[in-house]
Amino acid sequence: MNSKTVLIVEDDVNIVELLTIHLKDLGCNVMIATDGQKALAAARNENFDLIILDIMLPGLSGMEVCRKIRQYDRHIPIMMLTARSEEIDKVMGLETGADDYLTKPFSIREFIARVKVIFRRKEDTIQAKDIRAPLIIKYAGLEIDMDKRKVTLDNARIDLSPKEFELISLLASNPGKSYSRKQLLNLVWGYDFEGYEHTVNSHINRLRGKVEKDISNPQYILTTWGVGYRFNEDL
């Protein structure tokens, strides 16, 4: 594994020290920010392979930091940490743009395993881009440029979040194939977030709001009743 640079955004000194030790054992370079504003400044000025972001921060919350980062960087992996275990907080974190979510106290082995998965997924994505030919998917006015991660509708660019882009890319690459919400969580988010299938619904609803001309009668992203969702194969 090549050397990675990780930003830890956390105001608890003990947690910072623990995470720093184990990340350095993985060969990572570590930077630290103790509040949201410092985190945003670091994220704008440095290239990170991962941001580990606590939700409960002084001043600007981790949720707001994640939201602001996603406004200009849709690809950097973000792992959220929090002592709050309510389901709504986990769902909000994922919907804000986080790639993973750990609730304190957490197993350091699980933390390391998830960090490795995030790094491996990023490397696999880079390698896939290097070896594949440019791929553009076109359906009835909708165009998806996989290399540029760009979606246009009737030649107008559609601004999608990373997860929205991955959802529509997966569905459009396999028209007619129905995916359950759990399958989409596993394939797009990369983990089995048991019980959070409804976060898929909210992402699909937002995605439809951006690409469908009539949300009540979708043309592209269809519902397979009793199963989940599919991309219209008849376009």
C-alpha atoms as a PDB file:
ATOM      1  CA  MET A   1       0.000   0.000   0.000  1.00  0.00           C
ATOM      2  CA  ASN A   2       1.429   3.381  -0.997  1.00  0.00           C
ATOM      3  CA  SER A   3       1.795   6.027   1.673  1.00  0.00           C
ATOM      4  CA  LYS A   4      -1.522   7.747   2.384  1.00  0.00           C
ATOM      5  CA  THR A   5      -2.241  11.109   3.943  1.00  0.00           C
ATOM      6  CA  VAL A   6      -5.066  11.208   6.471  1.00  0.00           C
ATOM      7  CA  LEU A   7      -6.709  14.175   8.181  1.00  0.00           C
ATOM      8  CA  ILE A   8      -8.092  13.478  11.673  1.00  0.00           C
ATOM      9  CA  VAL A   9     -10.719  16.029  12.737  1.00  0.00           C
ATOM     10  CA  GLU A  10     -11.230  15.397  16.441  1.00  0.00           C
ATOM     11  CA  ASP A  11     -10.998  17.457  19.639  1.00  0.00           C
ATOM     12  CA  ASP A  12     -10.464  14.500  22.003  1.00  0.00           C
ATOM     13  CA  VAL A  13      -6.698  14.237  22.520  1.00  0.00           C
ATOM     14  CA  ASN A  14      -6.833  10.589  23.588  1.00  0.00           C
ATOM     15  CA  ILE A  15      -8.717   9.518  20.474  1.00  0.00           C
ATOM     16  CA  VAL A  16      -6.383  11.558  18.259  1.00  0.00           C
ATOM     17  CA  GLU A  17      -3.348   9.848  19.790  1.00  0.00           C
ATOM     18  CA  LEU A  18      -4.898   6.373  19.433  1.00  0.00           C
ATOM     19  CA  LEU A  19      -5.895   6.859  15.800  1.00  0.00           C
ATOM     20  CA  THR A  20      -2.572   8.482  14.934  1.00  0.00           C
ATOM     21  CA  ILE A  21      -0.589   5.541  16.308  1.00  0.00           C
ATOM     22  CA  HIS A  22      -2.543   2.964  14.329  1.00  0.00           C
ATOM     23  CA  LEU A  23      -2.663   5.013  11.124  1.00  0.00           C
ATOM     24  CA  LYS A  24       1.102   5.487  11.252  1.00  0.00           C
ATOM     25  CA  ASP A  25       1.445   1.735  11.746  1.00  0.00           C
ATOM     26  CA  LEU A  26      -0.330   1.463   8.370  1.00  0.00           C
ATOM     27  CA  GLY A  27       2.293   3.788   6.889  1.00  0.00           C
ATOM     28  CA  CYS A  28       0.000   6.837   6.771  1.00  0.00           C
ATOM     29  CA  ASN A  29       1.004  10.464   7.131  1.00  0.00           C
ATOM     30  CA  VAL A  30      -1.333  12.111   9.636  1.00  0.00           C
ATOM     31  CA  MET A  31      -2.534  15.695   9.984  1.00  0.00           C
ATOM     32  CA  ILE A  32      -4.799  16.888  12.797  1.00  0.00           C
ATOM     33  CA  ALA A  33      -7.511  19.526  13.041  1.00  0.00           C
ATOM     34  CA  THR A  34      -9.295  20.156  16.345  1.00  0.00           C
ATOM     35  CA  ASP A  35     -12.289  22.103  15.031  1.00  0.00           C
ATOM     36  CA  GLY A  36     -14.429  22.451  11.938  1.00  0.00           C
ATOM     37  CA  GLN A  37     -12.900  25.643  10.572  1.00  0.00           C
ATOM     38  CA  LYS A  38      -9.366  24.236  10.764  1.00  0.00           C
ATOM     39  CA  ALA A  39     -10.610  21.081   9.059  1.00  0.00           C
ATOM     40  CA  LEU A  40     -12.092  23.041   6.157  1.00  0.00           C
ATOM     41  CA  ALA A  41      -8.899  25.048   5.738  1.00  0.00           C
ATOM     42  CA  ALA A  42      -6.790  21.875   5.718  1.00  0.00           C
ATOM     43  CA  ALA A  43      -9.123  20.104   3.286  1.00  0.00           C
ATOM     44  CA  ARG A  44      -8.879  23.012   0.833  1.00  0.00           C
ATOM     45  CA  ASN A  45      -5.102  23.297   1.019  1.00  0.00           C
ATOM     46  CA  GLU A  46      -4.003  19.648   1.119  1.00  0.00           C
ATOM     47  CA  ASN A  47      -4.742  16.477  -0.827  1.00  0.00           C
ATOM     48  CA  PHE A  48      -5.974  13.789   1.551  1.00  0.00           C
ATOM     49  CA  ASP A  49      -6.658  10.127   0.923  1.00  0.00           C
ATOM     50  CA  LEU A  50      -9.083  10.021   3.855  1.00  0.00           C
ATOM     51  CA  ILE A  51     -10.722  12.417   6.298  1.00  0.00           C
ATOM     52  CA  ILE A  52     -11.739  11.016   9.678  1.00  0.00           C
ATOM     53  CA  LEU A  53     -14.367  13.423  10.941  1.00  0.00           C
ATOM     54  CA  ASP A  54     -15.942  13.642  14.386  1.00  0.00           C
ATOM     55  CA  ILE A  55     -19.509  14.960  14.367  1.00  0.00           C
ATOM     56  CA  MET A  56     -19.416  16.708  17.757  1.00  0.00           C
ATOM     57  CA  LEU A  57     -16.875  19.475  17.195  1.00  0.00           C
ATOM     58  CA  PRO A  58     -16.478  22.938  18.713  1.00  0.00           C
ATOM     59  CA  GLY A  59     -18.057  25.587  16.507  1.00  0.00           C
ATOM     60  CA  LEU A  60     -18.822  24.062  13.139  1.00  0.00           C
ATOM     61  CA  SER A  61     -20.306  20.559  13.419  1.00  0.00           C
ATOM     62  CA  GLY A  62     -18.903  17.560  11.586  1.00  0.00           C
ATOM     63  CA  MET A  63     -22.108  17.322   9.554  1.00  0.00           C
ATOM     64  CA  GLU A  64     -21.638  20.880   8.321  1.00  0.00           C
ATOM     65  CA  VAL A  65     -17.949  20.283   7.609  1.00  0.00           C
ATOM     66  CA  CYS A  66     -18.842  17.222   5.524  1.00  0.00           C
ATOM     67  CA  ARG A  67     -21.531  19.161   3.668  1.00  0.00           C
ATOM     68  CA  LYS A  68     -19.145  22.023   2.852  1.00  0.00           C
ATOM     69  CA  ILE A  69     -16.377  19.671   1.689  1.00  0.00           C
ATOM     70  CA  ARG A  70     -18.815  17.881  -0.600  1.00  0.00           C
ATOM     71  CA  GLN A  71     -19.672  21.191  -2.263  1.00  0.00           C
ATOM     72  CA  TYR A  72     -16.235  21.295  -3.894  1.00  0.00           C
ATOM     73  CA  ASP A  73     -14.757  17.798  -3.457  1.00  0.00           C
ATOM     74  CA  ARG A  74     -17.062  14.905  -4.252  1.00  0.00           C
ATOM     75  CA  HIS A  75     -14.467  12.139  -4.220  1.00  0.00           C
ATOM     76  CA  ILE A  76     -12.329  12.299  -1.069  1.00  0.00           C
ATOM     77  CA  PRO A  77     -13.383   9.513   1.330  1.00  0.00           C
ATOM     78  CA  ILE A  78     -14.889  10.701   4.625  1.00  0.00           C
ATOM     79  CA  MET A  79     -15.333   8.483   7.679  1.00  0.00           C
ATOM     80  CA  MET A  80     -17.506   9.953  10.437  1.00  0.00           C
ATOM     81  CA  LEU A  81     -16.940   9.266  14.135  1.00  0.00           C
ATOM     82  CA  THR A  82     -19.426  10.103  16.850  1.00  0.00           C
ATOM     83  CA  ALA A  83     -20.543   9.159  20.347  1.00  0.00           C
ATOM     84  CA  ARG A  84     -24.136   9.567  19.208  1.00  0.00           C
ATOM     85  CA  SER A  85     -25.717   6.241  18.325  1.00  0.00           C
ATOM     86  CA  GLU A  86     -29.195   7.332  17.257  1.00  0.00           C
ATOM     87  CA  GLU A  87     -30.179   5.906  13.888  1.00  0.00           C
ATOM     88  CA  ILE A  88     -31.139   9.322  12.496  1.00  0.00           C
ATOM     89  CA  ASP A  89     -27.581  10.577  13.068  1.00  0.00           C
ATOM     90  CA  LYS A  90     -26.135   7.688  11.082  1.00  0.00           C
ATOM     91  CA  VAL A  91     -28.598   8.224   8.262  1.00  0.00           C
ATOM     92  CA  MET A  92     -27.890  11.981   8.210  1.00  0.00           C
ATOM     93  CA  GLY A  93     -24.151  11.318   8.126  1.00  0.00           C
ATOM     94  CA  LEU A  94     -24.455   8.984   5.156  1.00  0.00           C
ATOM     95  CA  GLU A  95     -26.833  11.290   3.324  1.00  0.00           C
ATOM     96  CA  THR A  96     -24.570  14.299   3.918  1.00  0.00           C
ATOM     97  CA  GLY A  97     -21.881  12.539   1.922  1.00  0.00           C
ATOM     98  CA  ALA A  98     -19.915  10.391   4.367  1.00  0.00           C
ATOM     99  CA  ASP A  99     -18.529   7.117   3.029  1.00  0.00           C
ATOM    100  CA  ASP A 100     -18.527   5.328   6.367  1.00  0.00           C
ATOM    101  CA  TYR A 101     -19.687   5.805   9.952  1.00  0.00           C
ATOM    102  CA  LEU A 102     -18.333   4.492  13.263  1.00  0.00           C
ATOM    103  CA  THR A 103     -19.957   5.006  16.657  1.00  0.00           C
ATOM    104  CA  LYS A 104     -17.761   5.503  19.736  1.00  0.00           C
ATOM    105  CA  PRO A 105     -16.606   3.429  21.458  1.00  0.00           C
ATOM    106  CA  PHE A 106     -15.458   1.359  18.508  1.00  0.00           C
ATOM    107  CA  SER A 107     -13.091  -1.553  18.047  1.00  0.00           C
ATOM    108  CA  ILE A 108      -9.711  -0.409  16.785  1.00  0.00           C
ATOM    109  CA  ARG A 109      -9.569  -3.582  14.680  1.00  0.00           C
ATOM    110  CA  GLU A 110     -12.824  -2.607  12.990  1.00  0.00           C
ATOM    111  CA  PHE A 111     -11.510   0.906  12.454  1.00  0.00           C
ATOM    112  CA  ILE A 112      -8.337  -0.389  10.793  1.00  0.00           C
ATOM    113  CA  ALA A 113     -10.303  -2.855   8.662  1.00  0.00           C
ATOM    114  CA  ARG A 114     -12.610  -0.119   7.402  1.00  0.00           C
ATOM    115  CA  VAL A 115      -9.719   2.230   6.661  1.00  0.00           C
ATOM    116  CA  LYS A 116      -8.079  -0.510   4.593  1.00  0.00           C
ATOM    117  CA  VAL A 117     -11.323  -1.102   2.694  1.00  0.00           C
ATOM    118  CA  ILE A 118     -11.621   2.621   1.892  1.00  0.00           C
ATOM    119  CA  PHE A 119      -8.021   2.766   0.649  1.00  0.00           C
ATOM    120  CA  ARG A 120      -8.437  -0.412  -1.416  1.00  0.00           C
ATOM    121  CA  ARG A 121     -11.678   0.843  -2.961  1.00  0.00           C
ATOM    122  CA  LYS A 122     -10.001   4.111  -3.953  1.00  0.00           C
ATOM    123  CA  GLU A 123      -7.033   2.289  -5.499  1.00  0.00           C
ATOM    124  CA  ASP A 124      -9.348  -0.072  -7.377  1.00  0.00           C
ATOM    125  CA  THR A 125     -11.230   2.927  -8.765  1.00  0.00           C
ATOM    126  CA  ILE A 126      -8.008   4.582  -9.930  1.00  0.00           C
ATOM    127  CA  GLN A 127      -6.778   1.358 -11.562  1.00  0.00           C
ATOM    128  CA  ALA A 128     -10.112   0.817 -13.267  1.00  0.00           C
ATOM    129  CA  LYS A 129      -9.947   4.324 -14.722  1.00  0.00           C
ATOM    130  CA  ASP A 130      -6.416   3.662 -15.967  1.00  0.00           C
ATOM    131  CA  ILE A 131      -7.228   0.448 -17.821  1.00  0.00           C
ATOM    132  CA  ARG A 132     -10.681   1.019 -19.230  1.00  0.00           C
ATOM    133  CA  ALA A 133     -11.592   2.952 -22.342  1.00  0.00           C
ATOM    134  CA  PRO A 134     -13.676   6.104 -21.855  1.00  0.00           C
ATOM    135  CA  LEU A 135     -17.254   5.062 -21.273  1.00  0.00           C
ATOM    136  CA  ILE A 136     -20.283   7.198 -21.989  1.00  0.00           C
ATOM    137  CA  ILE A 137     -23.804   5.883 -21.452  1.00  0.00           C
ATOM    138  CA  LYS A 138     -26.642   7.567 -23.357  1.00  0.00           C
ATOM    139  CA  TYR A 139     -30.389   7.098 -22.879  1.00  0.00           C
ATOM    140  CA  ALA A 140     -33.085   9.390 -24.279  1.00  0.00           C
ATOM    141  CA  GLY A 141     -31.423  12.727 -23.556  1.00  0.00           C
ATOM    142  CA  LEU A 142     -29.557  11.472 -20.465  1.00  0.00           C
ATOM    143  CA  GLU A 143     -25.779  11.130 -20.800  1.00  0.00           C
ATOM    144  CA  ILE A 144     -23.446   9.656 -18.169  1.00  0.00           C
ATOM    145  CA  ASP A 145     -19.703  10.128 -18.651  1.00  0.00           C
ATOM    146  CA  MET A 146     -18.115   7.555 -16.349  1.00  0.00           C
ATOM    147  CA  ASP A 147     -14.562   8.890 -16.620  1.00  0.00           C
ATOM    148  CA  LYS A 148     -15.462  12.519 -15.983  1.00  0.00           C
ATOM    149  CA  ARG A 149     -18.197  11.562 -13.488  1.00  0.00           C
ATOM    150  CA  LYS A 150     -20.414  13.926 -15.403  1.00  0.00           C
ATOM    151  CA  VAL A 151     -24.158  13.636 -16.013  1.00  0.00           C
ATOM    152  CA  THR A 152     -26.085  15.791 -18.478  1.00  0.00           C
ATOM    153  CA  LEU A 153     -29.776  15.919 -19.325  1.00  0.00           C
ATOM    154  CA  ASP A 154     -30.668  17.462 -22.683  1.00  0.00           C
ATOM    155  CA  ASN A 155     -27.078  18.833 -22.777  1.00  0.00           C
ATOM    156  CA  ALA A 156     -27.473  20.590 -19.407  1.00  0.00           C
ATOM    157  CA  ARG A 157     -25.136  19.406 -16.651  1.00  0.00           C
ATOM    158  CA  ILE A 158     -26.804  17.834 -13.593  1.00  0.00           C
ATOM    159  CA  ASP A 159     -25.061  18.381 -10.257  1.00  0.00           C
ATOM    160  CA  LEU A 160     -25.012  15.049  -8.413  1.00  0.00           C
ATOM    161  CA  SER A 161     -23.510  13.985  -5.113  1.00  0.00           C
ATOM    162  CA  PRO A 162     -20.956  11.134  -5.209  1.00  0.00           C
ATOM    163  CA  LYS A 163     -23.503   8.567  -4.061  1.00  0.00           C
ATOM    164  CA  GLU A 164     -26.137   9.833  -6.487  1.00  0.00           C
ATOM    165  CA  PHE A 165     -23.651   9.479  -9.335  1.00  0.00           C
ATOM    166  CA  GLU A 166     -22.674   5.972  -8.251  1.00  0.00           C
ATOM    167  CA  LEU A 167     -26.331   4.968  -7.978  1.00  0.00           C
ATOM    168  CA  ILE A 168     -27.294   6.165 -11.442  1.00  0.00           C
ATOM    169  CA  SER A 169     -24.072   4.749 -12.937  1.00  0.00           C
ATOM    170  CA  LEU A 170     -24.742   1.328 -11.463  1.00  0.00           C
ATOM    171  CA  LEU A 171     -28.383   1.264 -12.524  1.00  0.00           C
ATOM    172  CA  ALA A 172     -27.755   2.669 -16.017  1.00  0.00           C
ATOM    173  CA  SER A 173     -24.911   0.194 -16.599  1.00  0.00           C
ATOM    174  CA  ASN A 174     -27.346  -2.648 -16.007  1.00  0.00           C
ATOM    175  CA  PRO A 175     -30.681  -1.559 -17.540  1.00  0.00           C
ATOM    176  CA  GLY A 176     -33.602  -3.760 -16.580  1.00  0.00           C
ATOM    177  CA  LYS A 177     -31.802  -5.371 -13.645  1.00  0.00           C
ATOM    178  CA  SER A 178     -33.634  -4.879 -10.353  1.00  0.00           C
ATOM    179  CA  TYR A 179     -31.603  -4.160  -7.221  1.00  0.00           C
ATOM    180  CA  SER A 180     -32.897  -4.411  -3.685  1.00  0.00           C
ATOM    181  CA  ARG A 181     -32.184  -1.556  -1.291  1.00  0.00           C
ATOM    182  CA  LYS A 182     -29.785  -3.771   0.644  1.00  0.00           C
ATOM    183  CA  GLN A 183     -27.904  -4.651  -2.545  1.00  0.00           C
ATOM    184  CA  LEU A 184     -27.584  -0.968  -3.409  1.00  0.00           C
ATOM    185  CA  LEU A 185     -26.258  -0.198   0.072  1.00  0.00           C
ATOM    186  CA  ASN A 186     -23.627  -2.892  -0.291  1.00  0.00           C
ATOM    187  CA  LEU A 187     -22.643  -1.969  -3.848  1.00  0.00           C
ATOM    188  CA  VAL A 188     -22.686   1.830  -3.563  1.00  0.00           C
ATOM    189  CA  TRP A 189     -21.812   2.456   0.079  1.00  0.00           C
ATOM    190  CA  GLY A 190     -19.542  -0.568   0.324  1.00  0.00           C
ATOM    191  CA  TYR A 191     -20.850  -1.876   3.636  1.00  0.00           C
ATOM    192  CA  ASP A 192     -23.842  -3.766   4.939  1.00  0.00           C
ATOM    193  CA  PHE A 193     -25.625  -0.956   6.807  1.00  0.00           C
ATOM    194  CA  GLU A 194     -28.316  -3.212   8.209  1.00  0.00           C
ATOM    195  CA  GLY A 195     -31.501  -1.276   8.891  1.00  0.00           C
ATOM    196  CA  TYR A 196     -30.566   1.783   6.825  1.00  0.00           C
ATOM    197  CA  GLU A 197     -32.185   0.752   3.564  1.00  0.00           C
ATOM    198  CA  HIS A 198     -34.382   3.869   3.675  1.00  0.00           C
ATOM    199  CA  THR A 199     -31.309   6.038   3.047  1.00  0.00           C
ATOM    200  CA  VAL A 200     -31.360   4.484  -0.444  1.00  0.00           C
ATOM    201  CA  ASN A 201     -34.946   5.708  -0.844  1.00  0.00           C
ATOM    202  CA  SER A 202     -33.983   9.279  -0.010  1.00  0.00           C
ATOM    203  CA  HIS A 203     -31.030   9.196  -2.425  1.00  0.00           C
ATOM    204  CA  ILE A 204     -33.235   7.772  -5.183  1.00  0.00           C
ATOM    205  CA  ASN A 205     -35.864  10.454  -4.520  1.00  0.00           C
ATOM    206  CA  ARG A 206     -33.264  13.233  -4.760  1.00  0.00           C
ATOM    207  CA  LEU A 207     -31.784  11.639  -7.864  1.00  0.00           C
ATOM    208  CA  ARG A 208     -35.189  11.465  -9.518  1.00  0.00           C
ATOM    209  CA  GLY A 209     -35.786  15.080  -8.599  1.00  0.00           C
ATOM    210  CA  LYS A 210     -32.695  15.997 -10.606  1.00  0.00           C
ATOM    211  CA  VAL A 211     -33.006  13.768 -13.688  1.00  0.00           C
ATOM    212  CA  GLU A 212     -36.725  13.047 -14.074  1.00  0.00           C
ATOM    213  CA  LYS A 213     -39.014  15.527 -15.804  1.00  0.00           C
ATOM    214  CA  ASP A 214     -42.033  14.094 -13.957  1.00  0.00           C
ATOM    215  CA  ILE A 215     -41.152  12.518 -10.598  1.00  0.00           C
ATOM    216  CA  SER A 216     -44.597  10.934 -10.311  1.00  0.00           C
ATOM    217  CA  ASN A 217     -44.035   9.193 -13.650  1.00  0.00           C
ATOM    218  CA  PRO A 218     -40.271   8.512 -13.844  1.00  0.00           C
ATOM    219  CA  GLN A 219     -38.717   7.784 -17.207  1.00  0.00           C
ATOM    220  CA  TYR A 220     -35.273   6.562 -16.185  1.00  0.00           C
ATOM    221  CA  ILE A 221     -35.236   5.175 -12.628  1.00  0.00           C
ATOM    222  CA  LEU A 222     -38.136   2.810 -12.100  1.00  0.00           C
ATOM    223  CA  THR A 223     -39.455   1.081  -8.999  1.00  0.00           C
ATOM    224  CA  THR A 224     -39.650  -2.698  -9.003  1.00  0.00           C
ATOM    225  CA  TRP A 225     -42.429  -3.222  -6.498  1.00  0.00           C
ATOM    226  CA  GLY A 226     -41.504  -5.548  -3.658  1.00  0.00           C
ATOM    227  CA  VAL A 227     -37.851  -5.537  -4.698  1.00  0.00           C
ATOM    228  CA  GLY A 228     -36.233  -2.134  -5.165  1.00  0.00           C
ATOM    229  CA  TYR A 229     -35.164  -0.146  -8.216  1.00  0.00           C
ATOM    230  CA  ARG A 230     -34.080  -0.627 -11.825  1.00  0.00           C
ATOM    231  CA  PHE A 231     -33.100   1.496 -14.822  1.00  0.00           C
ATOM    232  CA  ASN A 232     -35.604   1.551 -17.666  1.00  0.00           C
ATOM    233  CA  GLU A 233     -34.427  -0.950 -20.290  1.00  0.00           C
ATOM    234  CA  ASP A 234     -36.937   0.262 -22.916  1.00  0.00           C
ATOM    235  CA  LEU A 235     -35.334   3.651 -23.631  1.00  0.00           C
END
